[in-house]
N, C-alpha and C. Protein backbone atom coordinates (compact mmCIF):
# COMPACT_ATOMS: atom_id res chain seq x y z
N MET A 1 96.95 103.51 77.14
CA MET A 1 96.96 103.70 78.58
C MET A 1 98.17 102.99 79.21
N ARG A 2 98.46 101.80 78.72
CA ARG A 2 99.59 101.04 79.26
C ARG A 2 100.91 101.77 79.01
N THR A 3 101.03 102.41 77.87
CA THR A 3 102.25 103.15 77.55
C THR A 3 102.45 104.32 78.49
N LEU A 4 101.38 105.02 78.81
CA LEU A 4 101.45 106.15 79.74
C LEU A 4 101.89 105.68 81.13
N VAL A 5 101.31 104.59 81.60
CA VAL A 5 101.68 104.06 82.92
C VAL A 5 103.13 103.60 82.91
N MET A 6 103.59 103.02 81.81
CA MET A 6 104.98 102.58 81.70
C MET A 6 105.94 103.77 81.73
N ILE A 7 105.58 104.86 81.08
CA ILE A 7 106.42 106.07 81.11
C ILE A 7 106.47 106.65 82.52
N ILE A 8 105.35 106.70 83.19
CA ILE A 8 105.31 107.19 84.58
C ILE A 8 106.15 106.29 85.47
N PHE A 9 106.07 104.98 85.25
CA PHE A 9 106.84 104.01 86.02
C PHE A 9 108.34 104.24 85.84
N MET A 10 108.77 104.49 84.61
CA MET A 10 110.19 104.75 84.36
C MET A 10 110.65 106.05 85.02
N LEU A 11 109.81 107.09 85.00
CA LEU A 11 110.16 108.34 85.65
C LEU A 11 110.27 108.17 87.17
N VAL A 12 109.36 107.37 87.73
CA VAL A 12 109.41 107.09 89.17
C VAL A 12 110.69 106.33 89.50
N CYS A 13 111.08 105.38 88.67
CA CYS A 13 112.32 104.62 88.88
C CYS A 13 113.54 105.53 88.88
N ILE A 14 113.60 106.44 87.94
CA ILE A 14 114.73 107.37 87.86
C ILE A 14 114.75 108.30 89.06
N ALA A 15 113.59 108.83 89.45
CA ALA A 15 113.51 109.73 90.59
C ALA A 15 113.86 109.01 91.89
N LEU A 16 113.40 107.78 92.04
CA LEU A 16 113.71 107.00 93.24
C LEU A 16 115.20 106.72 93.35
N THR A 17 115.83 106.39 92.24
CA THR A 17 117.27 106.16 92.23
C THR A 17 118.03 107.43 92.63
N ALA A 18 117.63 108.56 92.08
CA ALA A 18 118.30 109.82 92.39
C ALA A 18 118.14 110.20 93.86
N ILE A 19 116.94 110.02 94.40
CA ILE A 19 116.71 110.39 95.80
C ILE A 19 117.49 109.49 96.74
N VAL A 20 117.54 108.20 96.44
CA VAL A 20 118.31 107.29 97.29
C VAL A 20 119.79 107.63 97.26
N LEU A 21 120.30 107.99 96.10
CA LEU A 21 121.72 108.35 96.01
C LEU A 21 122.04 109.68 96.70
N LEU A 22 121.07 110.56 96.85
CA LEU A 22 121.29 111.84 97.52
C LEU A 22 121.32 111.72 99.04
N GLN A 23 120.78 110.64 99.59
CA GLN A 23 120.70 110.51 101.03
C GLN A 23 122.05 110.18 101.64
N GLU A 24 122.20 110.58 102.90
CA GLU A 24 123.42 110.29 103.63
C GLU A 24 123.37 108.87 104.16
N GLY A 25 124.53 108.35 104.51
CA GLY A 25 124.58 107.02 105.11
C GLY A 25 123.99 107.03 106.51
N LYS A 26 123.53 105.87 106.96
CA LYS A 26 122.91 105.79 108.28
C LYS A 26 123.91 105.48 109.39
N SER A 27 125.17 105.25 109.05
CA SER A 27 126.15 104.95 110.09
C SER A 27 126.50 106.24 110.84
N ALA A 28 126.31 106.20 112.13
CA ALA A 28 126.55 107.39 112.94
C ALA A 28 127.99 107.47 113.43
N GLY A 29 128.74 106.40 113.30
CA GLY A 29 130.13 106.42 113.73
C GLY A 29 130.25 106.45 115.24
N LEU A 30 131.33 107.03 115.72
CA LEU A 30 131.56 107.07 117.16
C LEU A 30 130.75 108.15 117.85
N GLY A 31 130.14 109.04 117.10
CA GLY A 31 129.33 110.10 117.71
C GLY A 31 128.10 109.54 118.42
N ALA A 32 127.58 108.44 117.96
CA ALA A 32 126.41 107.84 118.60
C ALA A 32 126.76 107.27 119.96
N ILE A 33 128.00 106.80 120.12
CA ILE A 33 128.41 106.22 121.41
C ILE A 33 128.50 107.32 122.46
N ALA A 34 128.98 108.48 122.09
CA ALA A 34 129.14 109.58 123.03
C ALA A 34 127.84 110.35 123.26
N GLY A 35 126.80 110.03 122.55
CA GLY A 35 125.53 110.72 122.73
C GLY A 35 125.36 111.92 121.83
N ALA A 36 126.22 112.10 120.86
CA ALA A 36 126.16 113.26 119.98
C ALA A 36 125.06 113.14 118.94
N ALA A 37 124.44 111.97 118.85
CA ALA A 37 123.39 111.77 117.86
C ALA A 37 122.10 112.49 118.24
N ASP A 38 121.95 112.86 119.51
CA ASP A 38 120.73 113.50 119.98
C ASP A 38 120.89 115.01 119.97
N THR A 39 121.19 115.57 118.82
CA THR A 39 121.40 117.00 118.68
C THR A 39 120.12 117.65 118.16
N TYR A 40 120.20 118.93 117.90
CA TYR A 40 119.06 119.66 117.36
C TYR A 40 118.62 119.09 116.03
N TRP A 41 119.59 118.77 115.16
CA TRP A 41 119.26 118.26 113.84
C TRP A 41 118.66 116.86 113.93
N GLY A 42 119.06 116.09 114.93
CA GLY A 42 118.50 114.76 115.10
C GLY A 42 117.04 114.82 115.53
N LYS A 43 116.72 115.81 116.37
CA LYS A 43 115.34 115.94 116.86
C LYS A 43 114.41 116.52 115.80
N ASN A 44 114.92 117.38 114.95
CA ASN A 44 114.11 118.04 113.93
C ASN A 44 114.41 117.51 112.54
N LYS A 45 114.63 116.23 112.44
CA LYS A 45 115.01 115.62 111.16
C LYS A 45 113.90 115.73 110.12
N GLY A 46 112.64 115.75 110.55
CA GLY A 46 111.53 115.83 109.62
C GLY A 46 111.47 117.15 108.87
N ARG A 47 112.04 118.19 109.44
CA ARG A 47 112.00 119.51 108.81
C ARG A 47 113.24 119.80 107.97
N SER A 48 114.24 118.96 108.09
CA SER A 48 115.48 119.20 107.35
C SER A 48 115.39 118.61 105.95
N MET A 49 116.43 118.83 105.17
CA MET A 49 116.49 118.29 103.82
C MET A 49 116.52 116.77 103.86
N GLU A 50 117.21 116.21 104.84
CA GLU A 50 117.28 114.75 104.97
C GLU A 50 115.89 114.16 105.25
N GLY A 51 115.11 114.85 106.07
CA GLY A 51 113.76 114.39 106.36
C GLY A 51 112.87 114.42 105.13
N LYS A 52 113.06 115.44 104.31
CA LYS A 52 112.28 115.54 103.07
C LYS A 52 112.68 114.45 102.08
N LEU A 53 113.97 114.12 102.05
CA LEU A 53 114.42 113.04 101.17
C LEU A 53 113.86 111.69 101.61
N ILE A 54 113.80 111.48 102.93
CA ILE A 54 113.23 110.23 103.44
C ILE A 54 111.75 110.14 103.11
N LEU A 55 111.03 111.24 103.29
CA LEU A 55 109.60 111.25 102.96
C LEU A 55 109.39 111.02 101.47
N GLY A 56 110.20 111.67 100.64
CA GLY A 56 110.10 111.47 99.20
C GLY A 56 110.38 110.04 98.80
N THR A 57 111.35 109.42 99.47
CA THR A 57 111.66 108.02 99.19
C THR A 57 110.49 107.12 99.52
N ARG A 58 109.87 107.37 100.65
CA ARG A 58 108.72 106.54 101.05
C ARG A 58 107.57 106.68 100.07
N ILE A 59 107.29 107.90 99.66
CA ILE A 59 106.18 108.14 98.73
C ILE A 59 106.48 107.48 97.38
N LEU A 60 107.69 107.66 96.88
CA LEU A 60 108.05 107.07 95.59
C LEU A 60 108.08 105.55 95.66
N CYS A 61 108.45 104.98 96.80
CA CYS A 61 108.42 103.52 96.94
C CYS A 61 107.00 102.98 96.86
N VAL A 62 106.07 103.66 97.49
CA VAL A 62 104.67 103.24 97.43
C VAL A 62 104.15 103.34 95.99
N VAL A 63 104.46 104.44 95.32
CA VAL A 63 104.03 104.62 93.93
C VAL A 63 104.67 103.56 93.04
N PHE A 64 105.95 103.27 93.28
CA PHE A 64 106.66 102.25 92.51
C PHE A 64 105.98 100.88 92.65
N ILE A 65 105.67 100.51 93.88
CA ILE A 65 105.04 99.20 94.12
C ILE A 65 103.66 99.14 93.49
N LEU A 66 102.87 100.20 93.64
CA LEU A 66 101.53 100.21 93.06
C LEU A 66 101.57 100.14 91.53
N LEU A 67 102.49 100.88 90.93
CA LEU A 67 102.60 100.84 89.47
C LEU A 67 103.12 99.48 88.99
N ALA A 68 104.03 98.88 89.74
CA ALA A 68 104.54 97.56 89.36
C ALA A 68 103.42 96.52 89.42
N ILE A 69 102.58 96.60 90.44
CA ILE A 69 101.44 95.68 90.54
C ILE A 69 100.46 95.93 89.40
N LEU A 70 100.20 97.20 89.13
CA LEU A 70 99.27 97.55 88.06
C LEU A 70 99.76 97.07 86.70
N LEU A 71 101.06 97.21 86.45
CA LEU A 71 101.60 96.78 85.17
C LEU A 71 101.63 95.25 85.01
N ASN A 72 101.69 94.53 86.13
CA ASN A 72 101.74 93.08 86.06
C ASN A 72 100.36 92.42 86.06
N THR A 73 99.33 93.20 86.23
CA THR A 73 97.98 92.65 86.15
C THR A 73 97.41 92.98 84.76
N SER A 74 96.30 92.41 84.48
CA SER A 74 95.66 92.65 83.18
C SER A 74 94.58 93.73 83.27
N LEU A 75 94.73 94.66 84.22
CA LEU A 75 93.75 95.72 84.39
C LEU A 75 93.87 96.80 83.33
N ILE A 76 95.07 97.01 82.82
CA ILE A 76 95.25 98.06 81.80
C ILE A 76 95.76 97.45 80.51
């Protein structure tokens, strides 16, 4: 059982690394000063690819933390 959880943990680590590297930087540059950050894409970020990457990152982070806790306890 511990081996299976360790394999899942490694796959989550690889997927989390890939998703974080796919995301864009959060620096808005000078466009935020002029108000260009409040565009259609900014309002509908949850439906875009960037929104899906953020959601995937959050889910994988929770799974990563839970698996790390599980592996460090003597439950399995």
